PDB file of all heavy atoms in Angstrom:
ATOM      1  N   ASP A   1      76.077  96.513  96.955  1.00  0.00           N
ATOM      2  CA  ASP A   1      76.795  97.243  97.999  1.00  0.00           C
ATOM      3  C   ASP A   1      77.286  96.280  99.078  1.00  0.00           C
ATOM      4  O   ASP A   1      78.431  96.359  99.524  1.00  0.00           O
ATOM      5  CB  ASP A   1      75.882  98.310  98.612  1.00  0.00           C
ATOM      6  CG  ASP A   1      76.562  99.053  99.742  1.00  0.00           C
ATOM      7  OD1 ASP A   1      77.584  99.722  99.469  1.00  0.00           O
ATOM      8  OD2 ASP A   1      76.087  98.949 100.886  1.00  0.00           O
ATOM      9  N   TRP A   2      76.436  95.353  99.489  1.00  0.00           N
ATOM     10  CA  TRP A   2      76.838  94.390 100.522  1.00  0.00           C
ATOM     11  C   TRP A   2      77.961  93.469 100.039  1.00  0.00           C
ATOM     12  O   TRP A   2      78.792  93.049 100.832  1.00  0.00           O
ATOM     13  CB  TRP A   2      75.650  93.569 100.972  1.00  0.00           C
ATOM     14  CG  TRP A   2      74.657  94.344 101.788  1.00  0.00           C
ATOM     15  CD1 TRP A   2      74.874  95.515 102.457  1.00  0.00           C
ATOM     16  CD2 TRP A   2      73.306  94.005 102.008  1.00  0.00           C
ATOM     17  NE1 TRP A   2      73.727  95.922 103.087  1.00  0.00           N
ATOM     18  CE2 TRP A   2      72.742  95.014 102.826  1.00  0.00           C
ATOM     19  CE3 TRP A   2      72.488  92.960 101.599  1.00  0.00           C
ATOM     20  CZ2 TRP A   2      71.424  94.992 103.250  1.00  0.00           C
ATOM     21  CZ3 TRP A   2      71.178  92.940 102.027  1.00  0.00           C
ATOM     22  CH2 TRP A   2      70.653  93.938 102.837  1.00  0.00           C
ATOM     23  N   LEU A   3      77.963  93.151  98.749  1.00  0.00           N
ATOM     24  CA  LEU A   3      79.059  92.311  98.225  1.00  0.00           C
ATOM     25  C   LEU A   3      80.411  92.989  98.396  1.00  0.00           C
ATOM     26  O   LEU A   3      81.435  92.322  98.475  1.00  0.00           O
ATOM     27  CB  LEU A   3      78.835  91.974  96.747  1.00  0.00           C
ATOM     28  CG  LEU A   3      77.867  90.833  96.472  1.00  0.00           C
ATOM     29  CD1 LEU A   3      77.589  90.728  94.971  1.00  0.00           C
ATOM     30  CD2 LEU A   3      78.379  89.514  97.010  1.00  0.00           C
ATOM     31  N   LEU A   4      80.412  94.303  98.455  1.00  0.00           N
ATOM     32  CA  LEU A   4      81.650  95.055  98.678  1.00  0.00           C
ATOM     33  C   LEU A   4      81.900  95.309 100.164  1.00  0.00           C
ATOM     34  O   LEU A   4      83.000  95.102 100.670  1.00  0.00           O
ATOM     35  CB  LEU A   4      81.594  96.394  97.939  1.00  0.00           C
ATOM     36  CG  LEU A   4      81.437  96.322  96.424  1.00  0.00           C
ATOM     37  CD1 LEU A   4      81.150  97.700  95.858  1.00  0.00           C
ATOM     38  CD2 LEU A   4      82.663  95.719  95.791  1.00  0.00           C
ATOM     39  N   THR A   5      80.877  95.768 100.869  1.00  0.00           N
ATOM     40  CA  THR A   5      81.090  96.244 102.231  1.00  0.00           C
ATOM     41  C   THR A   5      81.181  95.141 103.278  1.00  0.00           C
ATOM     42  O   THR A   5      81.925  95.279 104.245  1.00  0.00           O
ATOM     43  CB  THR A   5      79.999  97.250 102.637  1.00  0.00           C
ATOM     44  OG1 THR A   5      78.710  96.635 102.517  1.00  0.00           O
ATOM     45  CG2 THR A   5      80.076  98.495 101.786  1.00  0.00           C
ATOM     46  N   VAL A   6      80.424  94.068 103.126  1.00  0.00           N
ATOM     47  CA  VAL A   6      80.453  93.014 104.150  1.00  0.00           C
ATOM     48  C   VAL A   6      81.815  92.312 104.185  1.00  0.00           C
ATOM     49  O   VAL A   6      82.391  92.162 105.268  1.00  0.00           O
ATOM     50  CB  VAL A   6      79.286  92.023 103.985  1.00  0.00           C
ATOM     51  CG1 VAL A   6      79.416  90.844 104.946  1.00  0.00           C
ATOM     52  CG2 VAL A   6      77.956  92.734 104.208  1.00  0.00           C
ATOM     53  N   PRO A   7      82.377  91.881 103.052  1.00  0.00           N
ATOM     54  CA  PRO A   7      83.729  91.313 103.132  1.00  0.00           C
ATOM     55  C   PRO A   7      84.752  92.297 103.704  1.00  0.00           C
ATOM     56  O   PRO A   7      85.625  91.897 104.487  1.00  0.00           O
ATOM     57  CB  PRO A   7      84.062  90.948 101.676  1.00  0.00           C
ATOM     58  CG  PRO A   7      82.733  90.723 101.044  1.00  0.00           C
ATOM     59  CD  PRO A   7      81.821  91.730 101.699  1.00  0.00           C
ATOM     60  N   LEU A   8      84.632  93.581 103.357  1.00  0.00           N
ATOM     61  CA  LEU A   8      85.557  94.575 103.923  1.00  0.00           C
ATOM     62  C   LEU A   8      85.386  94.710 105.436  1.00  0.00           C
ATOM     63  O   LEU A   8      86.365  94.836 106.171  1.00  0.00           O
ATOM     64  CB  LEU A   8      85.367  95.928 103.244  1.00  0.00           C
ATOM     65  CG  LEU A   8      85.873  96.025 101.815  1.00  0.00           C
ATOM     66  CD1 LEU A   8      85.482  97.366 101.194  1.00  0.00           C
ATOM     67  CD2 LEU A   8      87.372  95.835 101.764  1.00  0.00           C
ATOM     68  N   LEU A   9      84.164  94.658 105.894  1.00  0.00           N
ATOM     69  CA  LEU A   9      83.912  94.699 107.332  1.00  0.00           C
ATOM     70  C   LEU A   9      84.565  93.508 108.031  1.00  0.00           C
ATOM     71  O   LEU A   9      85.173  93.645 109.097  1.00  0.00           O
ATOM     72  CB  LEU A   9      82.410  94.711 107.613  1.00  0.00           C
ATOM     73  CG  LEU A   9      81.996  94.577 109.075  1.00  0.00           C
ATOM     74  CD1 LEU A   9      82.437  95.784 109.875  1.00  0.00           C
ATOM     75  CD2 LEU A   9      80.498  94.378 109.187  1.00  0.00           C
ATOM     76  N   LEU A  10      84.457  92.344 107.420  1.00  0.00           N
ATOM     77  CA  LEU A  10      85.068  91.149 108.009  1.00  0.00           C
ATOM     78  C   LEU A  10      86.587  91.251 108.030  1.00  0.00           C
ATOM     79  O   LEU A  10      87.230  90.839 109.002  1.00  0.00           O
ATOM     80  CB  LEU A  10      84.611  89.901 107.254  1.00  0.00           C
ATOM     81  CG  LEU A  10      83.119  89.585 107.410  1.00  0.00           C
ATOM     82  CD1 LEU A  10      82.701  88.470 106.474  1.00  0.00           C
ATOM     83  CD2 LEU A  10      82.768  89.265 108.850  1.00  0.00           C
ATOM     84  N   VAL A  11      87.159  91.829 106.989  1.00  0.00           N
ATOM     85  CA  VAL A  11      88.612  92.051 106.966  1.00  0.00           C
ATOM     86  C   VAL A  11      89.003  92.970 108.122  1.00  0.00           C
ATOM     87  O   VAL A  11      89.985  92.707 108.833  1.00  0.00           O
ATOM     88  CB  VAL A  11      89.065  92.635 105.610  1.00  0.00           C
ATOM     89  CG1 VAL A  11      90.498  93.135 105.667  1.00  0.00           C
ATOM     90  CG2 VAL A  11      88.903  91.591 104.508  1.00  0.00           C
ATOM     91  N   GLU A  12      88.230  94.033 108.338  1.00  0.00           N
ATOM     92  CA  GLU A  12      88.519  94.954 109.436  1.00  0.00           C
ATOM     93  C   GLU A  12      88.389  94.270 110.793  1.00  0.00           C
ATOM     94  O   GLU A  12      89.214  94.471 111.678  1.00  0.00           O
ATOM     95  CB  GLU A  12      87.581  96.161 109.373  1.00  0.00           C
ATOM     96  CG  GLU A  12      87.851  97.055 108.200  1.00  0.00           C
ATOM     97  CD  GLU A  12      86.783  98.129 108.030  1.00  0.00           C
ATOM     98  OE1 GLU A  12      85.739  98.085 108.729  1.00  0.00           O
ATOM     99  OE2 GLU A  12      86.988  99.011 107.190  1.00  0.00           O
ATOM    100  N   LEU A  13      87.346  93.452 110.954  1.00  0.00           N
ATOM    101  CA  LEU A  13      87.164  92.740 112.225  1.00  0.00           C
ATOM    102  C   LEU A  13      88.320  91.784 112.507  1.00  0.00           C
ATOM    103  O   LEU A  13      88.814  91.710 113.631  1.00  0.00           O
ATOM    104  CB  LEU A  13      85.844  91.975 112.226  1.00  0.00           C
ATOM    105  CG  LEU A  13      84.596  92.794 112.471  1.00  0.00           C
ATOM    106  CD1 LEU A  13      83.345  91.968 112.213  1.00  0.00           C
ATOM    107  CD2 LEU A  13      84.578  93.328 113.887  1.00  0.00           C
ATOM    108  N   VAL A  14      88.751  91.075 111.495  1.00  0.00           N
ATOM    109  CA  VAL A  14      89.873  90.147 111.670  1.00  0.00           C
ATOM    110  C   VAL A  14      91.152  90.917 111.983  1.00  0.00           C
ATOM    111  O   VAL A  14      91.972  90.475 112.793  1.00  0.00           O
ATOM    112  CB  VAL A  14      90.035  89.241 110.426  1.00  0.00           C
ATOM    113  CG1 VAL A  14      91.332  88.455 110.474  1.00  0.00           C
ATOM    114  CG2 VAL A  14      88.845  88.289 110.315  1.00  0.00           C
ATOM    115  N   ALA A  15      91.310  92.088 111.396  1.00  0.00           N
ATOM    116  CA  ALA A  15      92.516  92.885 111.626  1.00  0.00           C
ATOM    117  C   ALA A  15      92.659  93.309 113.084  1.00  0.00           C
ATOM    118  O   ALA A  15      93.774  93.420 113.592  1.00  0.00           O
ATOM    119  CB  ALA A  15      92.523  94.109 110.723  1.00  0.00           C
ATOM    120  N   VAL A  16      91.544  93.525 113.794  1.00  0.00           N
ATOM    121  CA  VAL A  16      91.634  93.967 115.183  1.00  0.00           C
ATOM    122  C   VAL A  16      91.849  92.838 116.176  1.00  0.00           C
ATOM    123  O   VAL A  16      92.013  93.076 117.368  1.00  0.00           O
ATOM    124  CB  VAL A  16      90.384  94.785 115.618  1.00  0.00           C
ATOM    125  CG1 VAL A  16      90.200  95.983 114.742  1.00  0.00           C
ATOM    126  CG2 VAL A  16      89.153  93.917 115.689  1.00  0.00           C
ATOM    127  N   LEU A  17      91.884  91.615 115.688  1.00  0.00           N
ATOM    128  CA  LEU A  17      92.015  90.479 116.600  1.00  0.00           C
ATOM    129  C   LEU A  17      93.443  90.227 117.072  1.00  0.00           C
ATOM    130  O   LEU A  17      93.666  89.361 117.904  1.00  0.00           O
ATOM    131  CB  LEU A  17      91.469  89.203 115.950  1.00  0.00           C
ATOM    132  CG  LEU A  17      89.976  89.200 115.669  1.00  0.00           C
ATOM    133  CD1 LEU A  17      89.568  87.891 115.000  1.00  0.00           C
ATOM    134  CD2 LEU A  17      89.180  89.415 116.936  1.00  0.00           C
ATOM    135  N   ALA A  18      94.419  90.936 116.546  1.00  0.00           N
ATOM    136  CA  ALA A  18      95.824  90.778 116.935  1.00  0.00           C
ATOM    137  C   ALA A  18      96.290  89.328 116.763  1.00  0.00           C
ATOM    138  O   ALA A  18      96.923  88.753 117.638  1.00  0.00           O
ATOM    139  CB  ALA A  18      96.050  91.255 118.369  1.00  0.00           C
ATOM    140  N   LEU A  19      95.958  88.770 115.607  1.00  0.00           N
ATOM    141  CA  LEU A  19      96.359  87.399 115.295  1.00  0.00           C
ATOM    142  C   LEU A  19      97.588  87.417 114.393  1.00  0.00           C
ATOM    143  O   LEU A  19      97.907  88.430 113.783  1.00  0.00           O
ATOM    144  CB  LEU A  19      95.217  86.667 114.576  1.00  0.00           C
ATOM    145  CG  LEU A  19      93.893  86.575 115.323  1.00  0.00           C
ATOM    146  CD1 LEU A  19      92.814  86.030 114.401  1.00  0.00           C
ATOM    147  CD2 LEU A  19      94.032  85.702 116.558  1.00  0.00           C
ATOM    148  N   THR A  20      98.223  86.282 114.272  1.00  0.00           N
ATOM    149  CA  THR A  20      99.343  86.166 113.343  1.00  0.00           C
ATOM    150  C   THR A  20      98.814  86.301 111.923  1.00  0.00           C
ATOM    151  O   THR A  20      97.628  86.102 111.669  1.00  0.00           O
ATOM    152  CB  THR A  20     100.053  84.811 113.493  1.00  0.00           C
ATOM    153  OG1 THR A  20      99.132  83.780 113.103  1.00  0.00           O
ATOM    154  CG2 THR A  20     100.539  84.581 114.917  1.00  0.00           C
ATOM    155  N   ARG A  21      99.701  86.622 111.003  1.00  0.00           N
ATOM    156  CA  ARG A  21      99.293  86.745 109.585  1.00  0.00           C
ATOM    157  C   ARG A  21      98.676  85.440 109.086  1.00  0.00           C
ATOM    158  O   ARG A  21      97.693  85.454 108.354  1.00  0.00           O
ATOM    159  CB  ARG A  21     100.497  87.103 108.714  1.00  0.00           C
ATOM    160  CG  ARG A  21     100.991  88.496 108.945  1.00  0.00           C
ATOM    161  CD  ARG A  21     100.563  89.357 107.781  1.00  0.00           C
ATOM    162  NE  ARG A  21     101.181  90.653 107.898  1.00  0.00           N
ATOM    163  CZ  ARG A  21     100.498  91.761 107.907  1.00  0.00           C
ATOM    164  NH1 ARG A  21      99.202  91.734 107.798  1.00  0.00           N
ATOM    165  NH2 ARG A  21     101.113  92.916 108.017  1.00  0.00           N
ATOM    166  N   LYS A  22      99.250  84.323 109.496  1.00  0.00           N
ATOM    167  CA  LYS A  22      98.749  83.017 109.059  1.00  0.00           C
ATOM    168  C   LYS A  22      97.322  82.790 109.576  1.00  0.00           C
ATOM    169  O   LYS A  22      96.449  82.344 108.835  1.00  0.00           O
ATOM    170  CB  LYS A  22      99.676  81.908 109.546  1.00  0.00           C
ATOM    171  CG  LYS A  22      99.284  80.532 109.056  1.00  0.00           C
ATOM    172  CD  LYS A  22     100.278  79.485 109.512  1.00  0.00           C
ATOM    173  CE  LYS A  22      99.861  78.115 109.031  1.00  0.00           C
ATOM    174  NZ  LYS A  22     100.773  77.074 109.474  1.00  0.00           N
ATOM    175  N   ALA A  23      97.087  83.124 110.841  1.00  0.00           N
ATOM    176  CA  ALA A  23      95.752  82.957 111.423  1.00  0.00           C
ATOM    177  C   ALA A  23      94.753  83.916 110.768  1.00  0.00           C
ATOM    178  O   ALA A  23      93.608  83.538 110.501  1.00  0.00           O
ATOM    179  CB  ALA A  23      95.805  83.174 112.928  1.00  0.00           C
ATOM    180  N   GLN A  24      95.178  85.148 110.515  1.00  0.00           N
ATOM    181  CA  GLN A  24      94.303  86.106 109.832  1.00  0.00           C
ATOM    182  C   GLN A  24      93.938  85.605 108.443  1.00  0.00           C
ATOM    183  O   GLN A  24      92.774  85.660 108.045  1.00  0.00           O
ATOM    184  CB  GLN A  24      94.983  87.472 109.725  1.00  0.00           C
ATOM    185  CG  GLN A  24      95.019  88.246 110.997  1.00  0.00           C
ATOM    186  CD  GLN A  24      95.678  89.618 110.819  1.00  0.00           C
ATOM    187  OE1 GLN A  24      96.281  89.913 109.788  1.00  0.00           O
ATOM    188  NE2 GLN A  24      95.558  90.446 111.836  1.00  0.00           N
ATOM    189  N   SER A  25      94.935  85.111 107.735  1.00  0.00           N
ATOM    190  CA  SER A  25      94.692  84.605 106.382  1.00  0.00           C
ATOM    191  C   SER A  25      93.715  83.429 106.411  1.00  0.00           C
ATOM    192  O   SER A  25      92.789  83.362 105.592  1.00  0.00           O
ATOM    193  CB  SER A  25      96.014  84.190 105.747  1.00  0.00           C
ATOM    194  OG  SER A  25      95.800  83.684 104.466  1.00  0.00           O
ATOM    195  N   ARG A  26      93.893  82.529 107.356  1.00  0.00           N
ATOM    196  CA  ARG A  26      93.007  81.365 107.483  1.00  0.00           C
ATOM    197  C   ARG A  26      91.569  81.827 107.732  1.00  0.00           C
ATOM    198  O   ARG A  26      90.625  81.336 107.104  1.00  0.00           O
ATOM    199  CB  ARG A  26      93.487  80.464 108.625  1.00  0.00           C
ATOM    200  CG  ARG A  26      92.623  79.245 108.873  1.00  0.00           C
ATOM    201  CD  ARG A  26      93.077  78.447 110.093  1.00  0.00           C
ATOM    202  NE  ARG A  26      93.071  79.202 111.335  1.00  0.00           N
ATOM    203  CZ  ARG A  26      91.985  79.419 112.092  1.00  0.00           C
ATOM    204  NH1 ARG A  26      90.820  78.960 111.723  1.00  0.00           N
ATOM    205  NH2 ARG A  26      92.077  80.116 113.215  1.00  0.00           N
ATOM    206  N   LEU A  27      91.396  82.782 108.621  1.00  0.00           N
ATOM    207  CA  LEU A  27      90.060  83.296 108.916  1.00  0.00           C
ATOM    208  C   LEU A  27      89.425  83.964 107.701  1.00  0.00           C
ATOM    209  O   LEU A  27      88.252  83.756 107.407  1.00  0.00           O
ATOM    210  CB  LEU A  27      90.121  84.304 110.059  1.00  0.00           C
ATOM    211  CG  LEU A  27      90.054  83.762 111.461  1.00  0.00           C
ATOM    212  CD1 LEU A  27      90.184  84.882 112.473  1.00  0.00           C
ATOM    213  CD2 LEU A  27      88.780  82.992 111.685  1.00  0.00           C
ATOM    214  N   LEU A  28      90.223  84.773 107.017  1.00  0.00           N
ATOM    215  CA  LEU A  28      89.679  85.474 105.854  1.00  0.00           C
ATOM    216  C   LEU A  28      89.285  84.512 104.743  1.00  0.00           C
ATOM    217  O   LEU A  28      88.290  84.746 104.047  1.00  0.00           O
ATOM    218  CB  LEU A  28      90.664  86.527 105.360  1.00  0.00           C
ATOM    219  CG  LEU A  28      90.857  87.704 106.310  1.00  0.00           C
ATOM    220  CD1 LEU A  28      91.932  88.652 105.789  1.00  0.00           C
ATOM    221  CD2 LEU A  28      89.546  88.435 106.550  1.00  0.00           C
ATOM    222  N   TRP A  29      90.036  83.430 104.582  1.00  0.00           N
ATOM    223  CA  TRP A  29      89.683  82.438 103.564  1.00  0.00           C
ATOM    224  C   TRP A  29      88.400  81.700 103.930  1.00  0.00           C
ATOM    225  O   TRP A  29      87.747  81.122 103.069  1.00  0.00           O
ATOM    226  CB  TRP A  29      90.831  81.453 103.325  1.00  0.00           C
ATOM    227  CG  TRP A  29      91.846  81.997 102.381  1.00  0.00           C
ATOM    228  CD1 TRP A  29      93.092  82.460 102.687  1.00  0.00           C
ATOM    229  CD2 TRP A  29      91.697  82.167 100.968  1.00  0.00           C
ATOM    230  NE1 TRP A  29      93.719  82.920 101.557  1.00  0.00           N
ATOM    231  CE2 TRP A  29      92.883  82.741 100.477  1.00  0.00           C
ATOM    232  CE3 TRP A  29      90.671  81.897 100.063  1.00  0.00           C
ATOM    233  CZ2 TRP A  29      93.068  83.054  99.136  1.00  0.00           C
ATOM    234  CZ3 TRP A  29      90.861  82.205  98.726  1.00  0.00           C
ATOM    235  CH2 TRP A  29      92.048  82.775  98.278  1.00  0.00           C
TER     236      TRP A  29
END
């Protein structure tokens, strides 16, 4: 369950940061 939900949570957190797509992509990687 955590293998699914924790990465999704991080994607959601990065999405609220109002960063550029490039910066969001860098963070997610």
